[in-house]
PDB file of all heavy atoms in Angstrom:
ATOM      1  N   GLY A   1       0.820  -1.203   0.000  1.00  0.00           N
ATOM      2  CA  GLY A   1       0.000   0.000   0.000  1.00  0.00           C
ATOM      3  C   GLY A   1       0.855   1.254   0.000  1.00  0.00           C
ATOM      4  O   GLY A   1       2.071   1.211   0.149  1.00  0.00           O
ATOM      5  N   GLY A   2       0.189   2.397  -0.180  1.00  0.00           N
ATOM      6  CA  GLY A   2       0.908   3.654  -0.172  1.00  0.00           C
ATOM      7  C   GLY A   2       0.069   4.769  -0.760  1.00  0.00           C
ATOM      8  O   GLY A   2      -1.143   4.639  -0.926  1.00  0.00           O
ATOM      9  N   LEU A   3       0.757   5.861  -1.056  1.00  0.00           N
ATOM     10  CA  LEU A   3       0.123   7.047  -1.637  1.00  0.00           C
ATOM     11  C   LEU A   3       0.438   7.095  -3.126  1.00  0.00           C
ATOM     12  O   LEU A   3       1.612   6.972  -3.519  1.00  0.00           O
ATOM     13  CB  LEU A   3       0.644   8.306  -0.935  1.00  0.00           C
ATOM     14  CG  LEU A   3       0.201   9.647  -1.505  1.00  0.00           C
ATOM     15  CD1 LEU A   3      -1.305   9.817  -1.360  1.00  0.00           C
ATOM     16  CD2 LEU A   3       0.946  10.778  -0.801  1.00  0.00           C
ATOM     17  N   VAL A   4      -0.583   7.282  -3.932  1.00  0.00           N
ATOM     18  CA  VAL A   4      -0.403   7.331  -5.380  1.00  0.00           C
ATOM     19  C   VAL A   4      -1.357   8.368  -5.962  1.00  0.00           C
ATOM     20  O   VAL A   4      -2.428   8.621  -5.393  1.00  0.00           O
ATOM     21  CB  VAL A   4      -0.650   5.940  -6.001  1.00  0.00           C
ATOM     22  CG1 VAL A   4      -2.084   5.481  -5.795  1.00  0.00           C
ATOM     23  CG2 VAL A   4      -0.271   5.890  -7.463  1.00  0.00           C
ATOM     24  N   GLN A   5      -0.966   8.969  -7.057  1.00  0.00           N
ATOM     25  CA  GLN A   5      -1.836   9.935  -7.715  1.00  0.00           C
ATOM     26  C   GLN A   5      -2.911   9.213  -8.527  1.00  0.00           C
ATOM     27  O   GLN A   5      -2.712   8.065  -8.965  1.00  0.00           O
ATOM     28  CB  GLN A   5      -1.030  10.834  -8.633  1.00  0.00           C
ATOM     29  CG  GLN A   5      -0.152  11.834  -7.901  1.00  0.00           C
ATOM     30  CD  GLN A   5       0.486  12.834  -8.839  1.00  0.00           C
ATOM     31  OE1 GLN A   5       0.720  12.541 -10.004  1.00  0.00           O
ATOM     32  NE2 GLN A   5       0.760  14.026  -8.323  1.00  0.00           N
ATOM     33  N   ALA A   6      -4.012   9.894  -8.729  1.00  0.00           N
ATOM     34  CA  ALA A   6      -5.083   9.353  -9.557  1.00  0.00           C
ATOM     35  C   ALA A   6      -4.530   8.975 -10.933  1.00  0.00           C
ATOM     36  O   ALA A   6      -3.732   9.718 -11.519  1.00  0.00           O
ATOM     37  CB  ALA A   6      -6.208  10.363  -9.698  1.00  0.00           C
ATOM     38  N   GLY A   7      -4.953   7.822 -11.409  1.00  0.00           N
ATOM     39  CA  GLY A   7      -4.449   7.316 -12.676  1.00  0.00           C
ATOM     40  C   GLY A   7      -3.256   6.393 -12.536  1.00  0.00           C
ATOM     41  O   GLY A   7      -2.867   5.724 -13.502  1.00  0.00           O
ATOM     42  N   GLY A   8      -2.679   6.361 -11.347  1.00  0.00           N
ATOM     43  CA  GLY A   8      -1.508   5.536 -11.111  1.00  0.00           C
ATOM     44  C   GLY A   8      -1.849   4.097 -10.794  1.00  0.00           C
ATOM     45  O   GLY A   8      -3.022   3.680 -10.852  1.00  0.00           O
ATOM     46  N   SER A   9      -0.799   3.336 -10.454  1.00  0.00           N
ATOM     47  CA  SER A   9      -0.948   1.906 -10.192  1.00  0.00           C
ATOM     48  C   SER A   9      -0.239   1.527  -8.903  1.00  0.00           C
ATOM     49  O   SER A   9       0.725   2.174  -8.489  1.00  0.00           O
ATOM     50  CB  SER A   9      -0.353   1.097 -11.345  1.00  0.00           C
ATOM     51  OG  SER A   9      -1.001   1.375 -12.561  1.00  0.00           O
ATOM     52  N   LEU A  10      -0.734   0.468  -8.308  1.00  0.00           N
ATOM     53  CA  LEU A  10      -0.099  -0.151  -7.151  1.00  0.00           C
ATOM     54  C   LEU A  10      -0.335  -1.653  -7.240  1.00  0.00           C
ATOM     55  O   LEU A  10      -1.349  -2.089  -7.790  1.00  0.00           O
ATOM     56  CB  LEU A  10      -0.700   0.346  -5.839  1.00  0.00           C
ATOM     57  CG  LEU A  10      -0.260   1.680  -5.259  1.00  0.00           C
ATOM     58  CD1 LEU A  10      -1.071   1.994  -4.006  1.00  0.00           C
ATOM     59  CD2 LEU A  10       1.229   1.696  -4.948  1.00  0.00           C
ATOM     60  N   ARG A  11       0.587  -2.422  -6.650  1.00  0.00           N
ATOM     61  CA  ARG A  11       0.358  -3.845  -6.528  1.00  0.00           C
ATOM     62  C   ARG A  11       0.429  -4.228  -5.062  1.00  0.00           C
ATOM     63  O   ARG A  11       1.465  -4.020  -4.410  1.00  0.00           O
ATOM     64  CB  ARG A  11       1.378  -4.666  -7.312  1.00  0.00           C
ATOM     65  CG  ARG A  11       1.004  -6.158  -7.339  1.00  0.00           C
ATOM     66  CD  ARG A  11       1.934  -7.001  -8.170  1.00  0.00           C
ATOM     67  NE  ARG A  11       3.143  -7.361  -7.465  1.00  0.00           N
ATOM     68  CZ  ARG A  11       3.886  -8.429  -7.760  1.00  0.00           C
ATOM     69  NH1 ARG A  11       3.514  -9.240  -8.737  1.00  0.00           N
ATOM     70  NH2 ARG A  11       5.005  -8.677  -7.086  1.00  0.00           N
ATOM     71  N   LEU A  12      -0.649  -4.770  -4.579  1.00  0.00           N
ATOM     72  CA  LEU A  12      -0.697  -5.269  -3.213  1.00  0.00           C
ATOM     73  C   LEU A  12      -0.324  -6.751  -3.202  1.00  0.00           C
ATOM     74  O   LEU A  12      -0.660  -7.485  -4.129  1.00  0.00           O
ATOM     75  CB  LEU A  12      -2.087  -5.091  -2.617  1.00  0.00           C
ATOM     76  CG  LEU A  12      -2.669  -3.678  -2.626  1.00  0.00           C
ATOM     77  CD1 LEU A  12      -4.027  -3.678  -1.916  1.00  0.00           C
ATOM     78  CD2 LEU A  12      -1.725  -2.683  -2.006  1.00  0.00           C
ATOM     79  N   SER A  13       0.343  -7.143  -2.125  1.00  0.00           N
ATOM     80  CA  SER A  13       0.682  -8.543  -1.921  1.00  0.00           C
ATOM     81  C   SER A  13       0.141  -8.988  -0.578  1.00  0.00           C
ATOM     82  O   SER A  13       0.033  -8.192   0.361  1.00  0.00           O
ATOM     83  CB  SER A  13       2.196  -8.743  -1.944  1.00  0.00           C
ATOM     84  OG  SER A  13       2.759  -8.348  -3.173  1.00  0.00           O
ATOM     85  N   CYS A  14      -0.173 -10.254  -0.492  1.00  0.00           N
ATOM     86  CA  CYS A  14      -0.615 -10.846   0.764  1.00  0.00           C
ATOM     87  C   CYS A  14       0.088 -12.181   0.918  1.00  0.00           C
ATOM     88  O   CYS A  14      -0.180 -13.117   0.152  1.00  0.00           O
ATOM     89  CB  CYS A  14      -2.124 -11.022   0.775  1.00  0.00           C
ATOM     90  SG  CYS A  14      -2.761 -11.896   2.224  1.00  0.00           S
ATOM     91  N   ALA A  15       0.981 -12.253   1.890  1.00  0.00           N
ATOM     92  CA  ALA A  15       1.731 -13.473   2.138  1.00  0.00           C
ATOM     93  C   ALA A  15       1.043 -14.286   3.228  1.00  0.00           C
ATOM     94  O   ALA A  15       0.687 -13.759   4.277  1.00  0.00           O
ATOM     95  CB  ALA A  15       3.147 -13.126   2.562  1.00  0.00           C
ATOM     96  N   ALA A  16       0.880 -15.569   2.953  1.00  0.00           N
ATOM     97  CA  ALA A  16       0.200 -16.455   3.889  1.00  0.00           C
ATOM     98  C   ALA A  16       1.179 -17.451   4.497  1.00  0.00           C
ATOM     99  O   ALA A  16       2.123 -17.883   3.842  1.00  0.00           O
ATOM    100  CB  ALA A  16      -0.913 -17.205   3.177  1.00  0.00           C
ATOM    101  N   SER A  17       0.917 -17.812   5.731  1.00  0.00           N
ATOM    102  CA  SER A  17       1.732 -18.838   6.391  1.00  0.00           C
ATOM    103  C   SER A  17       0.862 -19.613   7.362  1.00  0.00           C
ATOM    104  O   SER A  17      -0.191 -19.139   7.794  1.00  0.00           O
ATOM    105  CB  SER A  17       2.899 -18.202   7.147  1.00  0.00           C
ATOM    106  OG  SER A  17       2.417 -17.336   8.161  1.00  0.00           O
ATOM    107  N   GLY A  18       1.289 -20.811   7.675  1.00  0.00           N
ATOM    108  CA  GLY A  18       0.612 -21.597   8.702  1.00  0.00           C
ATOM    109  C   GLY A  18      -0.126 -22.815   8.205  1.00  0.00           C
ATOM    110  O   GLY A  18      -0.236 -23.788   8.922  1.00  0.00           O
ATOM    111  N   ARG A  19      -0.658 -22.785   7.016  1.00  0.00           N
ATOM    112  CA  ARG A  19      -1.403 -23.911   6.449  1.00  0.00           C
ATOM    113  C   ARG A  19      -1.139 -23.982   4.961  1.00  0.00           C
ATOM    114  O   ARG A  19      -0.733 -22.986   4.369  1.00  0.00           O
ATOM    115  CB  ARG A  19      -2.909 -23.742   6.693  1.00  0.00           C
ATOM    116  CG  ARG A  19      -3.335 -23.887   8.136  1.00  0.00           C
ATOM    117  CD  ARG A  19      -3.216 -25.308   8.627  1.00  0.00           C
ATOM    118  NE  ARG A  19      -3.731 -25.473   9.983  1.00  0.00           N
ATOM    119  CZ  ARG A  19      -3.675 -26.597  10.674  1.00  0.00           C
ATOM    120  NH1 ARG A  19      -3.142 -27.662  10.122  1.00  0.00           N
ATOM    121  NH2 ARG A  19      -4.172 -26.667  11.893  1.00  0.00           N
ATOM    122  N   PRO A  20      -1.388 -25.131   4.318  1.00  0.00           N
ATOM    123  CA  PRO A  20      -1.214 -25.170   2.869  1.00  0.00           C
ATOM    124  C   PRO A  20      -2.042 -24.108   2.170  1.00  0.00           C
ATOM    125  O   PRO A  20      -3.274 -24.115   2.238  1.00  0.00           O
ATOM    126  CB  PRO A  20      -1.688 -26.576   2.510  1.00  0.00           C
ATOM    127  CG  PRO A  20      -1.420 -27.377   3.736  1.00  0.00           C
ATOM    128  CD  PRO A  20      -1.706 -26.447   4.873  1.00  0.00           C
ATOM    129  N   PHE A  21      -1.365 -23.188   1.511  1.00  0.00           N
ATOM    130  CA  PHE A  21      -2.015 -22.054   0.877  1.00  0.00           C
ATOM    131  C   PHE A  21      -3.032 -22.487  -0.159  1.00  0.00           C
ATOM    132  O   PHE A  21      -4.087 -21.857  -0.310  1.00  0.00           O
ATOM    133  CB  PHE A  21      -0.930 -21.178   0.248  1.00  0.00           C
ATOM    134  CG  PHE A  21      -1.429 -19.925  -0.383  1.00  0.00           C
ATOM    135  CD1 PHE A  21      -2.026 -18.939   0.383  1.00  0.00           C
ATOM    136  CD2 PHE A  21      -1.277 -19.714  -1.745  1.00  0.00           C
ATOM    137  CE1 PHE A  21      -2.482 -17.772  -0.196  1.00  0.00           C
ATOM    138  CE2 PHE A  21      -1.713 -18.545  -2.334  1.00  0.00           C
ATOM    139  CZ  PHE A  21      -2.319 -17.567  -1.564  1.00  0.00           C
ATOM    140  N   SER A  22      -2.753 -23.577  -0.849  1.00  0.00           N
ATOM    141  CA  SER A  22      -3.648 -24.024  -1.918  1.00  0.00           C
ATOM    142  C   SER A  22      -4.974 -24.559  -1.401  1.00  0.00           C
ATOM    143  O   SER A  22      -5.871 -24.857  -2.195  1.00  0.00           O
ATOM    144  CB  SER A  22      -2.948 -25.085  -2.771  1.00  0.00           C
ATOM    145  OG  SER A  22      -2.565 -26.171  -1.956  1.00  0.00           O
ATOM    146  N   ASN A  23      -5.129 -24.685  -0.096  1.00  0.00           N
ATOM    147  CA  ASN A  23      -6.399 -25.110   0.479  1.00  0.00           C
ATOM    148  C   ASN A  23      -7.408 -23.982   0.612  1.00  0.00           C
ATOM    149  O   ASN A  23      -8.549 -24.213   1.012  1.00  0.00           O
ATOM    150  CB  ASN A  23      -6.188 -25.708   1.877  1.00  0.00           C
ATOM    151  CG  ASN A  23      -5.559 -27.085   1.811  1.00  0.00           C
ATOM    152  OD1 ASN A  23      -5.392 -27.655   0.745  1.00  0.00           O
ATOM    153  ND2 ASN A  23      -5.197 -27.612   2.966  1.00  0.00           N
ATOM    154  N   TYR A  24      -6.977 -22.760   0.291  1.00  0.00           N
ATOM    155  CA  TYR A  24      -7.803 -21.591   0.565  1.00  0.00           C
ATOM    156  C   TYR A  24      -8.108 -20.805  -0.697  1.00  0.00           C
ATOM    157  O   TYR A  24      -7.204 -20.473  -1.471  1.00  0.00           O
ATOM    158  CB  TYR A  24      -7.091 -20.664   1.558  1.00  0.00           C
ATOM    159  CG  TYR A  24      -6.909 -21.292   2.915  1.00  0.00           C
ATOM    160  CD1 TYR A  24      -5.801 -22.092   3.186  1.00  0.00           C
ATOM    161  CD2 TYR A  24      -7.845 -21.100   3.918  1.00  0.00           C
ATOM    162  CE1 TYR A  24      -5.640 -22.695   4.425  1.00  0.00           C
ATOM    163  CE2 TYR A  24      -7.692 -21.685   5.156  1.00  0.00           C
ATOM    164  CZ  TYR A  24      -6.591 -22.483   5.408  1.00  0.00           C
ATOM    165  OH  TYR A  24      -6.445 -23.068   6.630  1.00  0.00           O
ATOM    166  N   ALA A  25      -9.381 -20.487  -0.876  1.00  0.00           N
ATOM    167  CA  ALA A  25      -9.723 -19.427  -1.804  1.00  0.00           C
ATOM    168  C   ALA A  25      -9.361 -18.111  -1.127  1.00  0.00           C
ATOM    169  O   ALA A  25      -9.401 -18.008   0.105  1.00  0.00           O
ATOM    170  CB  ALA A  25     -11.209 -19.463  -2.127  1.00  0.00           C
ATOM    171  N   MET A  26      -9.001 -17.125  -1.921  1.00  0.00           N
ATOM    172  CA  MET A  26      -8.512 -15.869  -1.357  1.00  0.00           C
ATOM    173  C   MET A  26      -9.342 -14.695  -1.868  1.00  0.00           C
ATOM    174  O   MET A  26      -9.908 -14.737  -2.977  1.00  0.00           O
ATOM    175  CB  MET A  26      -7.058 -15.648  -1.724  1.00  0.00           C
ATOM    176  CG  MET A  26      -6.115 -16.734  -1.221  1.00  0.00           C
ATOM    177  SD  MET A  26      -6.056 -16.846   0.576  1.00  0.00           S
ATOM    178  CE  MET A  26      -5.323 -15.258   0.996  1.00  0.00           C
ATOM    179  N   GLY A  27      -9.378 -13.668  -1.071  1.00  0.00           N
ATOM    180  CA  GLY A  27     -10.127 -12.485  -1.483  1.00  0.00           C
ATOM    181  C   GLY A  27      -9.481 -11.206  -0.989  1.00  0.00           C
ATOM    182  O   GLY A  27      -8.647 -11.233  -0.073  1.00  0.00           O
ATOM    183  N   TRP A  28      -9.852 -10.131  -1.610  1.00  0.00           N
ATOM    184  CA  TRP A  28      -9.466  -8.785  -1.169  1.00  0.00           C
ATOM    185  C   TRP A  28     -10.745  -7.996  -0.879  1.00  0.00           C
ATOM    186  O   TRP A  28     -11.707  -8.029  -1.663  1.00  0.00           O
ATOM    187  CB  TRP A  28      -8.667  -8.055  -2.237  1.00  0.00           C
ATOM    188  CG  TRP A  28      -7.271  -8.537  -2.412  1.00  0.00           C
ATOM    189  CD1 TRP A  28      -6.815  -9.445  -3.326  1.00  0.00           C
ATOM    190  CD2 TRP A  28      -6.120  -8.134  -1.662  1.00  0.00           C
ATOM    191  NE1 TRP A  28      -5.472  -9.635  -3.183  1.00  0.00           N
ATOM    192  CE2 TRP A  28      -5.014  -8.831  -2.170  1.00  0.00           C
ATOM    193  CE3 TRP A  28      -5.909  -7.228  -0.608  1.00  0.00           C
ATOM    194  CZ2 TRP A  28      -3.727  -8.678  -1.669  1.00  0.00           C
ATOM    195  CZ3 TRP A  28      -4.639  -7.068  -0.107  1.00  0.00           C
ATOM    196  CH2 TRP A  28      -3.557  -7.787  -0.632  1.00  0.00           C
ATOM    197  N   PHE A  29     -10.703  -7.281   0.229  1.00  0.00           N
ATOM    198  CA  PHE A  29     -11.785  -6.390   0.616  1.00  0.00           C
ATOM    199  C   PHE A  29     -11.178  -5.026   0.918  1.00  0.00           C
ATOM    200  O   PHE A  29      -9.966  -4.912   1.098  1.00  0.00           O
ATOM    201  CB  PHE A  29     -12.514  -6.915   1.862  1.00  0.00           C
ATOM    202  CG  PHE A  29     -13.366  -8.125   1.601  1.00  0.00           C
ATOM    203  CD1 PHE A  29     -12.792  -9.369   1.385  1.00  0.00           C
ATOM    204  CD2 PHE A  29     -14.742  -8.031   1.584  1.00  0.00           C
ATOM    205  CE1 PHE A  29     -13.571 -10.493   1.145  1.00  0.00           C
ATOM    206  CE2 PHE A  29     -15.544  -9.146   1.353  1.00  0.00           C
ATOM    207  CZ  PHE A  29     -14.948 -10.374   1.133  1.00  0.00           C
ATOM    208  N   ARG A  30     -12.007  -4.016   1.007  1.00  0.00           N
ATOM    209  CA  ARG A  30     -11.512  -2.704   1.389  1.00  0.00           C
ATOM    210  C   ARG A  30     -12.532  -1.987   2.258  1.00  0.00           C
ATOM    211  O   ARG A  30     -13.733  -2.239   2.163  1.00  0.00           O
ATOM    212  CB  ARG A  30     -11.170  -1.859   0.164  1.00  0.00           C
ATOM    213  CG  ARG A  30     -12.357  -1.478  -0.711  1.00  0.00           C
ATOM    214  CD  ARG A  30     -11.862  -0.784  -1.977  1.00  0.00           C
ATOM    215  NE  ARG A  30     -12.972  -0.365  -2.837  1.00  0.00           N
ATOM    216  CZ  ARG A  30     -12.807   0.141  -4.056  1.00  0.00           C
ATOM    217  NH1 ARG A  30     -11.569   0.294  -4.555  1.00  0.00           N
ATOM    218  NH2 ARG A  30     -13.854   0.503  -4.776  1.00  0.00           N
ATOM    219  N   GLN A  31     -11.999  -1.098   3.081  1.00  0.00           N
ATOM    220  CA  GLN A  31     -12.847  -0.346   3.988  1.00  0.00           C
ATOM    221  C   GLN A  31     -12.387   1.096   4.038  1.00  0.00           C
ATOM    222  O   GLN A  31     -11.254   1.370   4.458  1.00  0.00           O
ATOM    223  CB  GLN A  31     -12.838  -0.960   5.386  1.00  0.00           C
ATOM    224  CG  GLN A  31     -13.850  -0.344   6.331  1.00  0.00           C
ATOM    225  CD  GLN A  31     -14.019  -1.171   7.598  1.00  0.00           C
ATOM    226  OE1 GLN A  31     -13.171  -1.998   7.951  1.00  0.00           O
ATOM    227  NE2 GLN A  31     -15.136  -0.973   8.286  1.00  0.00           N
ATOM    228  N   ALA A  32     -13.253   1.987   3.594  1.00  0.00           N
ATOM    229  CA  ALA A  32     -12.990   3.419   3.665  1.00  0.00           C
ATOM    230  C   ALA A  32     -13.499   3.952   5.011  1.00  0.00           C
ATOM    231  O   ALA A  32     -14.364   3.334   5.636  1.00  0.00           O
ATOM    232  CB  ALA A  32     -13.679   4.133   2.514  1.00  0.00           C
TER     233      ALA A  32
END
């Protein structure tokens, strides 16, 4: 995450640990 101007791009990453990652469907949510 970070600060970006309108029209720009960002790439978010989410690293998982603790269980086999392939056992999980994944999602992104946001809250303003």
